[in-house]
PDB file of all heavy atoms in Angstrom:
ATOM      1  N   LEU A   1      26.796-131.288 -85.908  1.00  0.00           N
ATOM      2  CA  LEU A   1      27.532-132.540 -85.938  1.00  0.00           C
ATOM      3  C   LEU A   1      29.033-132.343 -85.717  1.00  0.00           C
ATOM      4  O   LEU A   1      29.641-132.984 -84.852  1.00  0.00           O
ATOM      5  CB  LEU A   1      27.284-133.240 -87.276  1.00  0.00           C
ATOM      6  CG  LEU A   1      27.739-134.700 -87.373  1.00  0.00           C
ATOM      7  CD1 LEU A   1      26.944-135.568 -86.427  1.00  0.00           C
ATOM      8  CD2 LEU A   1      27.583-135.205 -88.816  1.00  0.00           C
ATOM      9  N   ASP A   2      29.654-131.442 -86.467  1.00  0.00           N
ATOM     10  CA  ASP A   2      31.108-131.282 -86.406  1.00  0.00           C
ATOM     11  C   ASP A   2      31.571-130.825 -85.032  1.00  0.00           C
ATOM     12  O   ASP A   2      32.634-131.253 -84.555  1.00  0.00           O
ATOM     13  CB  ASP A   2      31.576-130.287 -87.478  1.00  0.00           C
ATOM     14  CG  ASP A   2      31.402-130.831 -88.887  1.00  0.00           C
ATOM     15  OD1 ASP A   2      31.276-132.069 -89.022  1.00  0.00           O
ATOM     16  OD2 ASP A   2      31.365-130.028 -89.834  1.00  0.00           O
ATOM     17  N   ALA A   3      30.801-129.965 -84.389  1.00  0.00           N
ATOM     18  CA  ALA A   3      31.226-129.395 -83.111  1.00  0.00           C
ATOM     19  C   ALA A   3      30.981-130.329 -81.935  1.00  0.00           C
ATOM     20  O   ALA A   3      31.564-130.131 -80.869  1.00  0.00           O
ATOM     21  CB  ALA A   3      30.500-128.067 -82.874  1.00  0.00           C
ATOM     22  N   ASN A   4      30.149-131.362 -82.115  1.00  0.00           N
ATOM     23  CA  ASN A   4      29.747-132.165 -80.961  1.00  0.00           C
ATOM     24  C   ASN A   4      29.995-133.660 -81.114  1.00  0.00           C
ATOM     25  O   ASN A   4      29.653-134.426 -80.222  1.00  0.00           O
ATOM     26  CB  ASN A   4      28.258-131.948 -80.676  1.00  0.00           C
ATOM     27  CG  ASN A   4      27.950-130.548 -80.212  1.00  0.00           C
ATOM     28  OD1 ASN A   4      28.133-130.210 -79.049  1.00  0.00           O
ATOM     29  ND2 ASN A   4      27.485-129.703 -81.140  1.00  0.00           N
ATOM     30  N   THR A   5      30.582-134.073 -82.216  1.00  0.00           N
ATOM     31  CA  THR A   5      30.805-135.514 -82.415  1.00  0.00           C
ATOM     32  C   THR A   5      32.206-135.770 -82.952  1.00  0.00           C
ATOM     33  O   THR A   5      32.878-134.866 -83.464  1.00  0.00           O
ATOM     34  CB  THR A   5      29.788-136.116 -83.407  1.00  0.00           C
ATOM     35  OG1 THR A   5      29.985-135.527 -84.697  1.00  0.00           O
ATOM     36  CG2 THR A   5      28.362-135.898 -82.934  1.00  0.00           C
ATOM     37  N   SER A   6      32.610-136.996 -82.835  1.00  0.00           N
ATOM     38  CA  SER A   6      33.865-137.450 -83.446  1.00  0.00           C
ATOM     39  C   SER A   6      33.771-138.958 -83.630  1.00  0.00           C
ATOM     40  O   SER A   6      32.861-139.608 -83.101  1.00  0.00           O
ATOM     41  CB  SER A   6      35.064-137.085 -82.576  1.00  0.00           C
ATOM     42  OG  SER A   6      36.278-137.363 -83.268  1.00  0.00           O
ATOM     43  N   THR A   7      34.743-139.509 -84.348  1.00  0.00           N
ATOM     44  CA  THR A   7      34.725-140.939 -84.645  1.00  0.00           C
ATOM     45  C   THR A   7      35.673-141.685 -83.713  1.00  0.00           C
ATOM     46  O   THR A   7      36.801-141.239 -83.455  1.00  0.00           O
ATOM     47  CB  THR A   7      35.152-141.186 -86.104  1.00  0.00           C
ATOM     48  OG1 THR A   7      34.266-140.492 -86.979  1.00  0.00           O
ATOM     49  CG2 THR A   7      35.099-142.677 -86.424  1.00  0.00           C
ATOM     50  N   CYS A   8      35.204-142.795 -83.203  1.00  0.00           N
ATOM     51  CA  CYS A   8      36.062-143.672 -82.409  1.00  0.00           C
ATOM     52  C   CYS A   8      37.100-144.294 -83.332  1.00  0.00           C
ATOM     53  O   CYS A   8      36.746-144.937 -84.331  1.00  0.00           O
ATOM     54  CB  CYS A   8      35.226-144.754 -81.735  1.00  0.00           C
ATOM     55  SG  CYS A   8      36.203-146.077 -80.967  1.00  0.00           S
ATOM     56  N   PHE A   9      38.381-144.109 -83.006  1.00  0.00           N
ATOM     57  CA  PHE A   9      39.418-144.586 -83.930  1.00  0.00           C
ATOM     58  C   PHE A   9      39.530-146.112 -83.945  1.00  0.00           C
ATOM     59  O   PHE A   9      40.128-146.682 -84.853  1.00  0.00           O
ATOM     60  CB  PHE A   9      40.771-143.956 -83.580  1.00  0.00           C
ATOM     61  CG  PHE A   9      41.523-144.621 -82.455  1.00  0.00           C
ATOM     62  CD1 PHE A   9      42.497-145.575 -82.706  1.00  0.00           C
ATOM     63  CD2 PHE A   9      41.246-144.282 -81.134  1.00  0.00           C
ATOM     64  CE1 PHE A   9      43.195-146.181 -81.682  1.00  0.00           C
ATOM     65  CE2 PHE A   9      41.940-144.881 -80.092  1.00  0.00           C
ATOM     66  CZ  PHE A   9      42.919-145.839 -80.360  1.00  0.00           C
ATOM     67  N   LEU A  10      38.906-146.782 -82.972  1.00  0.00           N
ATOM     68  CA  LEU A  10      38.964-148.242 -82.944  1.00  0.00           C
ATOM     69  C   LEU A  10      37.822-148.893 -83.723  1.00  0.00           C
ATOM     70  O   LEU A  10      37.974-149.998 -84.246  1.00  0.00           O
ATOM     71  CB  LEU A  10      38.921-148.733 -81.492  1.00  0.00           C
ATOM     72  CG  LEU A  10      40.138-148.416 -80.626  1.00  0.00           C
ATOM     73  CD1 LEU A  10      39.895-148.835 -79.185  1.00  0.00           C
ATOM     74  CD2 LEU A  10      41.384-149.116 -81.174  1.00  0.00           C
ATOM     75  N   THR A  11      36.678-148.232 -83.791  1.00  0.00           N
ATOM     76  CA  THR A  11      35.493-148.841 -84.418  1.00  0.00           C
ATOM     77  C   THR A  11      34.934-148.049 -85.595  1.00  0.00           C
ATOM     78  O   THR A  11      34.069-148.548 -86.317  1.00  0.00           O
ATOM     79  CB  THR A  11      34.367-149.011 -83.387  1.00  0.00           C
ATOM     80  OG1 THR A  11      33.950-147.706 -82.935  1.00  0.00           O
ATOM     81  CG2 THR A  11      34.833-149.844 -82.204  1.00  0.00           C
ATOM     82  N   ASP A  12      35.389-146.805 -85.754  1.00  0.00           N
ATOM     83  CA  ASP A  12      34.852-145.896 -86.790  1.00  0.00           C
ATOM     84  C   ASP A  12      33.403-145.517 -86.554  1.00  0.00           C
ATOM     85  O   ASP A  12      32.729-145.023 -87.464  1.00  0.00           O
ATOM     86  CB  ASP A  12      34.987-146.516 -88.193  1.00  0.00           C
ATOM     87  CG  ASP A  12      36.426-146.575 -88.660  1.00  0.00           C
ATOM     88  OD1 ASP A  12      37.221-145.711 -88.225  1.00  0.00           O
ATOM     89  OD2 ASP A  12      36.758-147.494 -89.430  1.00  0.00           O
ATOM     90  N   GLU A  13      32.873-145.749 -85.367  1.00  0.00           N
ATOM     91  CA  GLU A  13      31.517-145.332 -85.034  1.00  0.00           C
ATOM     92  C   GLU A  13      31.499-143.860 -84.641  1.00  0.00           C
ATOM     93  O   GLU A  13      32.441-143.365 -84.002  1.00  0.00           O
ATOM     94  CB  GLU A  13      30.954-146.166 -83.878  1.00  0.00           C
ATOM     95  CG  GLU A  13      30.668-147.609 -84.220  1.00  0.00           C
ATOM     96  CD  GLU A  13      30.119-148.369 -83.022  1.00  0.00           C
ATOM     97  OE1 GLU A  13      30.631-148.176 -81.897  1.00  0.00           O
ATOM     98  OE2 GLU A  13      29.173-149.152 -83.210  1.00  0.00           O
ATOM     99  N   LEU A  14      30.395-143.191 -85.013  1.00  0.00           N
ATOM    100  CA  LEU A  14      30.237-141.781 -84.681  1.00  0.00           C
ATOM    101  C   LEU A  14      29.683-141.660 -83.265  1.00  0.00           C
ATOM    102  O   LEU A  14      28.641-142.224 -82.943  1.00  0.00           O
ATOM    103  CB  LEU A  14      29.303-141.116 -85.687  1.00  0.00           C
ATOM    104  CG  LEU A  14      29.253-139.582 -85.670  1.00  0.00           C
ATOM    105  CD1 LEU A  14      30.628-138.993 -86.020  1.00  0.00           C
ATOM    106  CD2 LEU A  14      28.194-139.077 -86.649  1.00  0.00           C
ATOM    107  N   TRP A  15      30.395-140.912 -82.425  1.00  0.00           N
ATOM    108  CA  TRP A  15      30.015-140.774 -81.020  1.00  0.00           C
ATOM    109  C   TRP A  15      29.893-139.302 -80.640  1.00  0.00           C
ATOM    110  O   TRP A  15      30.492-138.420 -81.271  1.00  0.00           O
ATOM    111  CB  TRP A  15      31.093-141.411 -80.125  1.00  0.00           C
ATOM    112  CG  TRP A  15      30.883-142.875 -79.884  1.00  0.00           C
ATOM    113  CD1 TRP A  15      31.041-143.883 -80.790  1.00  0.00           C
ATOM    114  CD2 TRP A  15      30.499-143.479 -78.659  1.00  0.00           C
ATOM    115  NE1 TRP A  15      30.768-145.092 -80.211  1.00  0.00           N
ATOM    116  CE2 TRP A  15      30.440-144.875 -78.884  1.00  0.00           C
ATOM    117  CE3 TRP A  15      30.203-143.011 -77.386  1.00  0.00           C
ATOM    118  CZ2 TRP A  15      30.084-145.780 -77.893  1.00  0.00           C
ATOM    119  CZ3 TRP A  15      29.860-143.904 -76.393  1.00  0.00           C
ATOM    120  CH2 TRP A  15      29.798-145.277 -76.648  1.00  0.00           C
ATOM    121  N   LEU A  16      29.104-139.066 -79.581  1.00  0.00           N
ATOM    122  CA  LEU A  16      29.108-137.739 -78.991  1.00  0.00           C
ATOM    123  C   LEU A  16      30.490-137.465 -78.418  1.00  0.00           C
ATOM    124  O   LEU A  16      31.081-138.308 -77.729  1.00  0.00           O
ATOM    125  CB  LEU A  16      28.074-137.628 -77.877  1.00  0.00           C
ATOM    126  CG  LEU A  16      26.608-137.477 -78.284  1.00  0.00           C
ATOM    127  CD1 LEU A  16      25.726-137.409 -77.044  1.00  0.00           C
ATOM    128  CD2 LEU A  16      26.408-136.221 -79.130  1.00  0.00           C
ATOM    129  N   LEU A  17      30.994-136.274 -78.689  1.00  0.00           N
ATOM    130  CA  LEU A  17      32.347-135.927 -78.273  1.00  0.00           C
ATOM    131  C   LEU A  17      32.505-136.018 -76.758  1.00  0.00           C
ATOM    132  O   LEU A  17      33.550-136.474 -76.257  1.00  0.00           O
ATOM    133  CB  LEU A  17      32.685-134.517 -78.770  1.00  0.00           C
ATOM    134  CG  LEU A  17      34.134-134.056 -78.642  1.00  0.00           C
ATOM    135  CD1 LEU A  17      35.059-134.986 -79.412  1.00  0.00           C
ATOM    136  CD2 LEU A  17      34.273-132.614 -79.145  1.00  0.00           C
ATOM    137  N   GLU A  18      31.494-135.624 -76.033  1.00  0.00           N
ATOM    138  CA  GLU A  18      31.593-135.584 -74.569  1.00  0.00           C
ATOM    139  C   GLU A  18      31.719-136.977 -73.948  1.00  0.00           C
ATOM    140  O   GLU A  18      32.109-137.108 -72.781  1.00  0.00           O
ATOM    141  CB  GLU A  18      30.373-134.872 -73.974  1.00  0.00           C
ATOM    142  CG  GLU A  18      29.060-135.563 -74.253  1.00  0.00           C
ATOM    143  CD  GLU A  18      27.858-134.770 -73.763  1.00  0.00           C
ATOM    144  OE1 GLU A  18      27.883-133.519 -73.823  1.00  0.00           O
ATOM    145  OE2 GLU A  18      26.889-135.418 -73.314  1.00  0.00           O
ATOM    146  N   ASP A  19      31.376-138.021 -74.697  1.00  0.00           N
ATOM    147  CA  ASP A  19      31.446-139.379 -74.158  1.00  0.00           C
ATOM    148  C   ASP A  19      32.676-140.155 -74.632  1.00  0.00           C
ATOM    149  O   ASP A  19      32.877-141.302 -74.236  1.00  0.00           O
ATOM    150  CB  ASP A  19      30.184-140.163 -74.531  1.00  0.00           C
ATOM    151  CG  ASP A  19      28.956-139.660 -73.795  1.00  0.00           C
ATOM    152  OD1 ASP A  19      29.122-139.106 -72.701  1.00  0.00           O
ATOM    153  OD2 ASP A  19      27.836-139.821 -74.327  1.00  0.00           O
ATOM    154  N   LEU A  20      33.491-139.557 -75.503  1.00  0.00           N
ATOM    155  CA  LEU A  20      34.703-140.217 -75.973  1.00  0.00           C
ATOM    156  C   LEU A  20      35.853-140.030 -74.977  1.00  0.00           C
ATOM    157  O   LEU A  20      35.873-139.068 -74.197  1.00  0.00           O
ATOM    158  CB  LEU A  20      35.105-139.673 -77.339  1.00  0.00           C
ATOM    159  CG  LEU A  20      34.191-140.079 -78.508  1.00  0.00           C
ATOM    160  CD1 LEU A  20      34.567-139.299 -79.759  1.00  0.00           C
ATOM    161  CD2 LEU A  20      34.281-141.578 -78.768  1.00  0.00           C
ATOM    162  N   ILE A  21      36.811-140.929 -74.992  1.00  0.00           N
ATOM    163  CA  ILE A  21      37.944-140.925 -74.070  1.00  0.00           C
ATOM    164  C   ILE A  21      39.230-140.675 -74.854  1.00  0.00           C
ATOM    165  O   ILE A  21      39.446-141.280 -75.911  1.00  0.00           O
ATOM    166  CB  ILE A  21      38.025-142.266 -73.314  1.00  0.00           C
ATOM    167  CG1 ILE A  21      36.776-142.443 -72.439  1.00  0.00           C
ATOM    168  CG2 ILE A  21      39.300-142.344 -72.476  1.00  0.00           C
ATOM    169  CD1 ILE A  21      36.664-143.822 -71.819  1.00  0.00           C
ATOM    170  N   VAL A  22      40.057-139.805 -74.319  1.00  0.00           N
ATOM    171  CA  VAL A  22      41.346-139.502 -74.953  1.00  0.00           C
ATOM    172  C   VAL A  22      42.355-140.581 -74.564  1.00  0.00           C
ATOM    173  O   VAL A  22      42.560-140.867 -73.381  1.00  0.00           O
ATOM    174  CB  VAL A  22      41.870-138.126 -74.518  1.00  0.00           C
ATOM    175  CG1 VAL A  22      43.230-137.840 -75.167  1.00  0.00           C
ATOM    176  CG2 VAL A  22      40.873-137.042 -74.883  1.00  0.00           C
ATOM    177  N   VAL A  23      42.972-141.197 -75.558  1.00  0.00           N
ATOM    178  CA  VAL A  23      43.998-142.211 -75.328  1.00  0.00           C
ATOM    179  C   VAL A  23      45.370-141.546 -75.431  1.00  0.00           C
ATOM    180  O   VAL A  23      45.696-140.899 -76.441  1.00  0.00           O
ATOM    181  CB  VAL A  23      43.874-143.363 -76.343  1.00  0.00           C
ATOM    182  CG1 VAL A  23      44.995-144.387 -76.120  1.00  0.00           C
ATOM    183  CG2 VAL A  23      42.517-144.032 -76.212  1.00  0.00           C
ATOM    184  N   GLN A  24      46.166-141.681 -74.379  1.00  0.00           N
ATOM    185  CA  GLN A  24      47.496-141.077 -74.337  1.00  0.00           C
ATOM    186  C   GLN A  24      48.562-142.059 -74.860  1.00  0.00           C
ATOM    187  O   GLN A  24      48.377-143.276 -74.782  1.00  0.00           O
ATOM    188  CB  GLN A  24      47.821-140.661 -72.889  1.00  0.00           C
ATOM    189  CG  GLN A  24      46.845-139.693 -72.274  1.00  0.00           C
ATOM    190  CD  GLN A  24      46.841-138.342 -72.962  1.00  0.00           C
ATOM    191  OE1 GLN A  24      47.695-138.035 -73.820  1.00  0.00           O
ATOM    192  NE2 GLN A  24      45.843-137.526 -72.613  1.00  0.00           N
ATOM    193  N   PRO A  25      49.638-141.612 -75.408  1.00  0.00           N
ATOM    194  CA  PRO A  25      50.003-140.187 -75.567  1.00  0.00           C
ATOM    195  C   PRO A  25      49.610-139.607 -76.922  1.00  0.00           C
ATOM    196  O   PRO A  25      49.919-138.473 -77.248  1.00  0.00           O
ATOM    197  CB  PRO A  25      51.519-140.233 -75.422  1.00  0.00           C
ATOM    198  CG  PRO A  25      51.897-141.549 -76.057  1.00  0.00           C
ATOM    199  CD  PRO A  25      50.786-142.500 -75.716  1.00  0.00           C
ATOM    200  N   THR A  26      48.888-140.432 -77.746  1.00  0.00           N
ATOM    201  CA  THR A  26      48.589-140.000 -79.120  1.00  0.00           C
ATOM    202  C   THR A  26      47.478-138.970 -79.183  1.00  0.00           C
ATOM    203  O   THR A  26      47.371-138.234 -80.163  1.00  0.00           O
ATOM    204  CB  THR A  26      48.199-141.213 -79.971  1.00  0.00           C
ATOM    205  OG1 THR A  26      47.012-141.801 -79.409  1.00  0.00           O
ATOM    206  CG2 THR A  26      49.323-142.248 -80.000  1.00  0.00           C
ATOM    207  N   GLY A  27      46.604-138.933 -78.175  1.00  0.00           N
ATOM    208  CA  GLY A  27      45.474-138.016 -78.199  1.00  0.00           C
ATOM    209  C   GLY A  27      44.310-138.508 -79.038  1.00  0.00           C
ATOM    210  O   GLY A  27      43.355-137.768 -79.295  1.00  0.00           O
ATOM    211  N   GLU A  28      44.380-139.773 -79.473  1.00  0.00           N
ATOM    212  CA  GLU A  28      43.282-140.327 -80.260  1.00  0.00           C
ATOM    213  C   GLU A  28      42.046-140.516 -79.369  1.00  0.00           C
ATOM    214  O   GLU A  28      42.159-140.713 -78.155  1.00  0.00           O
ATOM    215  CB  GLU A  28      43.704-141.657 -80.878  1.00  0.00           C
ATOM    216  CG  GLU A  28      44.795-141.516 -81.926  1.00  0.00           C
ATOM    217  CD  GLU A  28      45.283-142.868 -82.407  1.00  0.00           C
ATOM    218  OE1 GLU A  28      45.857-143.615 -81.593  1.00  0.00           O
ATOM    219  OE2 GLU A  28      45.082-143.166 -83.602  1.00  0.00           O
ATOM    220  N   LEU A  29      40.854-140.492 -80.009  1.00  0.00           N
ATOM    221  CA  LEU A  29      39.584-140.602 -79.279  1.00  0.00           C
ATOM    222  C   LEU A  29      38.982-141.988 -79.473  1.00  0.00           C
ATOM    223  O   LEU A  29      38.888-142.481 -80.603  1.00  0.00           O
ATOM    224  CB  LEU A  29      38.598-139.535 -79.765  1.00  0.00           C
ATOM    225  CG  LEU A  29      39.031-138.087 -79.529  1.00  0.00           C
ATOM    226  CD1 LEU A  29      38.030-137.121 -80.151  1.00  0.00           C
ATOM    227  CD2 LEU A  29      39.181-137.799 -78.035  1.00  0.00           C
ATOM    228  N   ALA A  30      38.572-142.582 -78.363  1.00  0.00           N
ATOM    229  CA  ALA A  30      37.964-143.915 -78.421  1.00  0.00           C
ATOM    230  C   ALA A  30      36.736-143.952 -77.527  1.00  0.00           C
ATOM    231  O   ALA A  30      36.653-143.235 -76.522  1.00  0.00           O
ATOM    232  CB  ALA A  30      38.960-144.986 -77.995  1.00  0.00           C
ATOM    233  N   SER A  31      35.796-144.815 -77.899  1.00  0.00           N
ATOM    234  CA  SER A  31      34.589-144.965 -77.085  1.00  0.00           C
ATOM    235  C   SER A  31      34.886-145.845 -75.876  1.00  0.00           C
ATOM    236  O   SER A  31      35.754-146.723 -75.940  1.00  0.00           O
ATOM    237  CB  SER A  31      33.466-145.590 -77.913  1.00  0.00           C
ATOM    238  OG  SER A  31      33.750-146.958 -78.171  1.00  0.00           O
ATOM    239  N   PRO A  32      34.177-145.645 -74.781  1.00  0.00           N
ATOM    240  CA  PRO A  32      34.390-146.502 -73.607  1.00  0.00           C
ATOM    241  C   PRO A  32      34.091-147.967 -73.901  1.00  0.00           C
ATOM    242  O   PRO A  32      34.745-148.856 -73.367  1.00  0.00           O
ATOM    243  CB  PRO A  32      33.446-145.916 -72.561  1.00  0.00           C
ATOM    244  CG  PRO A  32      32.459-145.084 -73.320  1.00  0.00           C
ATOM    245  CD  PRO A  32      33.191-144.585 -74.509  1.00  0.00           C
ATOM    246  N   ASP A  33      33.132-148.221 -74.764  1.00  0.00           N
ATOM    247  CA  ASP A  33      32.807-149.606 -75.114  1.00  0.00           C
ATOM    248  C   ASP A  33      33.977-150.272 -75.824  1.00  0.00           C
ATOM    249  O   ASP A  33      34.333-151.427 -75.536  1.00  0.00           O
ATOM    250  CB  ASP A  33      31.574-149.663 -76.014  1.00  0.00           C
ATOM    251  CG  ASP A  33      30.304-149.210 -75.300  1.00  0.00           C
ATOM    252  OD1 ASP A  33      30.339-149.096 -74.061  1.00  0.00           O
ATOM    253  OD2 ASP A  33      29.294-148.973 -75.984  1.00  0.00           O
ATOM    254  N   ALA A  34      34.579-149.548 -76.758  1.00  0.00           N
ATOM    255  CA  ALA A  34      35.683-150.120 -77.522  1.00  0.00           C
ATOM    256  C   ALA A  34      36.897-150.380 -76.632  1.00  0.00           C
ATOM    257  O   ALA A  34      37.575-151.402 -76.768  1.00  0.00           O
ATOM    258  CB  ALA A  34      36.064-149.187 -78.671  1.00  0.00           C
ATOM    259  N   LEU A  35      37.184-149.463 -75.728  1.00  0.00           N
ATOM    260  CA  LEU A  35      38.321-149.642 -74.829  1.00  0.00           C
ATOM    261  C   LEU A  35      38.109-150.816 -73.886  1.00  0.00           C
ATOM    262  O   LEU A  35      39.040-151.567 -73.583  1.00  0.00           O
ATOM    263  CB  LEU A  35      38.561-148.363 -74.029  1.00  0.00           C
ATOM    264  CG  LEU A  35      39.100-147.172 -74.834  1.00  0.00           C
ATOM    265  CD1 LEU A  35      39.162-145.932 -73.960  1.00  0.00           C
ATOM    266  CD2 LEU A  35      40.485-147.475 -75.407  1.00  0.00           C
ATOM    267  N   ASP A  36      36.891-150.980 -73.399  1.00  0.00           N
ATOM    268  CA  ASP A  36      36.601-152.098 -72.497  1.00  0.00           C
ATOM    269  C   ASP A  36      36.766-153.445 -73.191  1.00  0.00           C
ATOM    270  O   ASP A  36      37.108-154.448 -72.553  1.00  0.00           O
ATOM    271  CB  ASP A  36      35.179-151.974 -71.951  1.00  0.00           C
ATOM    272  CG  ASP A  36      35.063-150.873 -70.903  1.00  0.00           C
ATOM    273  OD1 ASP A  36      36.105-150.480 -70.353  1.00  0.00           O
ATOM    274  OD2 ASP A  36      33.926-150.421 -70.645  1.00  0.00           O
ATOM    275  N   GLU A  37      36.537-153.474 -74.488  1.00  0.00           N
ATOM    276  CA  GLU A  37      36.578-154.731 -75.218  1.00  0.00           C
ATOM    277  C   GLU A  37      37.961-155.041 -75.814  1.00  0.00           C
ATOM    278  O   GLU A  37      38.203-156.153 -76.270  1.00  0.00           O
ATOM    279  CB  GLU A  37      35.533-154.708 -76.349  1.00  0.00           C
ATOM    280  CG  GLU A  37      34.097-154.660 -75.837  1.00  0.00           C
ATOM    281  CD  GLU A  37      33.092-154.475 -76.958  1.00  0.00           C
ATOM    282  OE1 GLU A  37      33.530-154.398 -78.135  1.00  0.00           O
ATOM    283  OE2 GLU A  37      31.889-154.395 -76.667  1.00  0.00           O
ATOM    284  N   ASP A  38      38.849-154.061 -75.823  1.00  0.00           N
ATOM    285  CA  ASP A  38      40.178-154.247 -76.434  1.00  0.00           C
ATOM    286  C   ASP A  38      41.228-154.361 -75.335  1.00  0.00           C
ATOM    287  O   ASP A  38      41.534-153.388 -74.631  1.00  0.00           O
ATOM    288  CB  ASP A  38      40.494-153.066 -77.359  1.00  0.00           C
ATOM    289  CG  ASP A  38      41.684-153.352 -78.274  1.00  0.00           C
ATOM    290  OD1 ASP A  38      42.573-154.112 -77.846  1.00  0.00           O
ATOM    291  OD2 ASP A  38      41.714-152.799 -79.386  1.00  0.00           O
ATOM    292  N   ASP A  39      41.843-155.525 -75.184  1.00  0.00           N
ATOM    293  CA  ASP A  39      42.822-155.766 -74.124  1.00  0.00           C
ATOM    294  C   ASP A  39      44.130-155.018 -74.345  1.00  0.00           C
ATOM    295  O   ASP A  39      44.990-154.965 -73.449  1.00  0.00           O
ATOM    296  CB  ASP A  39      43.122-157.269 -74.006  1.00  0.00           C
ATOM    297  CG  ASP A  39      41.922-158.052 -73.485  1.00  0.00           C
ATOM    298  OD1 ASP A  39      41.059-157.434 -72.828  1.00  0.00           O
ATOM    299  OD2 ASP A  39      41.854-159.272 -73.745  1.00  0.00           O
TER     300      ASP A  39
END
C-alpha cells in the first residue's frame, strides 16, 4: 500500500500512485477526476 498509493489532496480518496497527477508548483497529488471537476 505505502509504496504504490497516495491520497488525493482534493478528495482524500486513496488512489494508485501511478494514476495521480502532480499539481505544480506545490507538488501535491490529485486524481484526474478531482482536477476535471474543480475549476
